Amino acid sequence: MFLVFNVLHIINKNIFENAALSDCINVVDNCSVILLIEDAVYSAIESPKTSVFQSLPEDVLAYVLLPDLEVRGIELEQCFSFIKTVDYQGFVQLVADNNPVRSWF
């Protein structure tokens, strides 16, 4: 029996100021989960400048922290449709459900 571990990648830097998201997407596989928090939530906005998500493997789950979207005035309708939202409780659940957890700076 094989144990499958999903790696949770937490990104907190804006794609326009930092390469963390691009670097992360270059190493993710189908056992990966991505969570955008803090200024990284700007990366969830669907635009040509955030086309880095086009290279994301189909099986990778992507989440954005809803309170961070709200505090920055970003509407969910502006975000890529495949990105799901989580609240703080969902954030904790993602950390509990995925091992290891990697933070990208």
Protein backbone atom coordinates (compact mmCIF):
# COMPACT_ATOMS: atom_id res chain seq x y z
CA MET A 1 0.00 0.00 0.00
CA PHE A 2 1.30 3.43 -0.95
CA LEU A 3 0.63 6.55 1.04
CA VAL A 4 0.01 9.63 -1.06
CA PHE A 5 1.04 12.90 0.49
CA ASN A 6 -0.29 16.15 -0.86
CA VAL A 7 2.15 19.02 -0.54
CA LEU A 8 0.54 22.30 0.51
CA HIS A 9 2.33 25.26 -1.04
CA ILE A 10 1.53 28.54 0.72
CA ILE A 11 2.37 31.70 -1.19
CA ASN A 12 2.14 35.15 0.36
CA LYS A 13 3.86 37.43 -2.17
CA ASN A 14 2.28 39.32 -5.06
CA ILE A 15 3.12 37.80 -8.46
CA PHE A 16 3.90 41.30 -9.76
CA GLU A 17 6.64 41.86 -7.16
CA ASN A 18 8.02 38.38 -6.51
CA ALA A 19 8.67 35.13 -8.39
CA ALA A 20 7.42 32.83 -5.61
CA LEU A 21 4.25 31.75 -7.43
CA SER A 22 6.07 31.17 -10.73
CA ASP A 23 8.79 29.22 -8.96
CA CYS A 24 6.19 27.16 -7.12
CA ILE A 25 4.22 26.34 -10.27
CA ASN A 26 7.43 25.10 -11.88
CA VAL A 27 7.76 22.34 -9.25
CA VAL A 28 4.17 21.36 -8.42
CA ASP A 29 2.75 18.02 -9.44
CA ASN A 30 -0.66 16.42 -9.32
CA CYS A 31 -0.28 15.83 -5.56
CA SER A 32 0.01 19.53 -4.85
CA VAL A 33 -2.29 22.10 -3.31
CA ILE A 34 -1.65 25.85 -3.63
CA LEU A 35 -2.95 28.42 -1.16
CA LEU A 36 -2.66 32.14 -1.90
CA ILE A 37 -2.62 34.38 1.17
CA GLU A 38 -1.80 38.01 1.99
CA ASP A 39 -0.60 39.91 -1.12
CA ALA A 40 -0.48 36.71 -3.18
CA VAL A 41 -4.27 36.97 -3.52
CA TYR A 42 -3.67 39.55 -6.28
CA SER A 43 -2.35 36.60 -8.30
CA ALA A 44 -5.85 35.08 -8.29
CA ILE A 45 -7.20 37.92 -10.44
CA GLU A 46 -7.77 36.66 -13.96
CA SER A 47 -5.66 38.74 -16.33
CA PRO A 48 -2.95 38.30 -18.98
CA LYS A 49 -0.37 39.21 -16.32
CA THR A 50 -1.36 36.18 -14.25
CA SER A 51 -1.15 33.73 -17.14
CA VAL A 52 1.35 31.70 -15.09
CA PHE A 53 -1.69 29.68 -13.99
CA GLN A 54 -2.00 28.33 -17.55
CA SER A 55 0.97 26.06 -16.86
CA LEU A 56 -0.62 24.68 -13.69
CA PRO A 57 -1.25 20.91 -13.91
CA GLU A 58 -4.98 20.14 -14.10
CA ASP A 59 -5.07 18.07 -10.90
CA VAL A 60 -3.52 20.77 -8.72
CA LEU A 61 -6.00 22.33 -6.32
CA ALA A 62 -5.74 26.09 -5.87
CA TYR A 63 -7.24 28.11 -3.02
CA VAL A 64 -7.28 31.74 -2.00
CA LEU A 65 -7.88 33.05 1.52
CA LEU A 66 -11.23 34.86 1.36
CA PRO A 67 -10.56 37.37 4.18
CA ASP A 68 -7.40 38.48 2.35
CA LEU A 69 -9.42 38.99 -0.86
CA GLU A 70 -12.04 40.98 1.00
CA VAL A 71 -9.62 43.26 2.85
CA ARG A 72 -8.00 44.14 -0.50
CA GLY A 73 -11.34 44.85 -2.17
CA ILE A 74 -11.02 42.00 -4.67
CA GLU A 75 -14.32 40.51 -5.82
CA LEU A 76 -14.54 36.74 -6.27
CA GLU A 77 -15.87 37.33 -9.79
CA GLN A 78 -12.48 38.86 -10.72
CA CYS A 79 -10.66 35.63 -9.88
CA PHE A 80 -9.94 32.55 -11.95
CA SER A 81 -12.96 30.26 -11.77
CA PHE A 82 -10.91 27.20 -10.79
CA ILE A 83 -9.56 28.86 -7.64
CA LYS A 84 -11.62 28.03 -4.58
CA THR A 85 -11.94 30.21 -1.51
CA VAL A 86 -11.28 29.23 2.10
CA ASP A 87 -11.78 31.07 5.36
CA TYR A 88 -9.40 30.85 8.32
CA GLN A 89 -10.93 27.55 9.43
CA GLY A 90 -10.42 26.21 5.91
CA PHE A 91 -6.81 27.39 6.01
CA VAL A 92 -6.23 25.39 9.19
CA GLN A 93 -7.96 22.37 7.63
CA LEU A 94 -5.70 22.55 4.56
CA VAL A 95 -2.64 22.56 6.82
CA ALA A 96 -4.01 19.62 8.81
CA ASP A 97 -4.91 17.62 5.68
CA ASN A 98 -1.70 18.13 3.70
CA ASN A 99 1.83 17.14 4.56
CA PRO A 100 4.38 18.59 4.09
CA VAL A 101 3.59 22.30 4.07
CA ARG A 102 5.94 24.57 2.13
CA SER A 103 5.93 28.36 2.36
CA TRP A 104 7.22 30.35 -0.59
CA PHE A 105 8.74 33.78 0.02
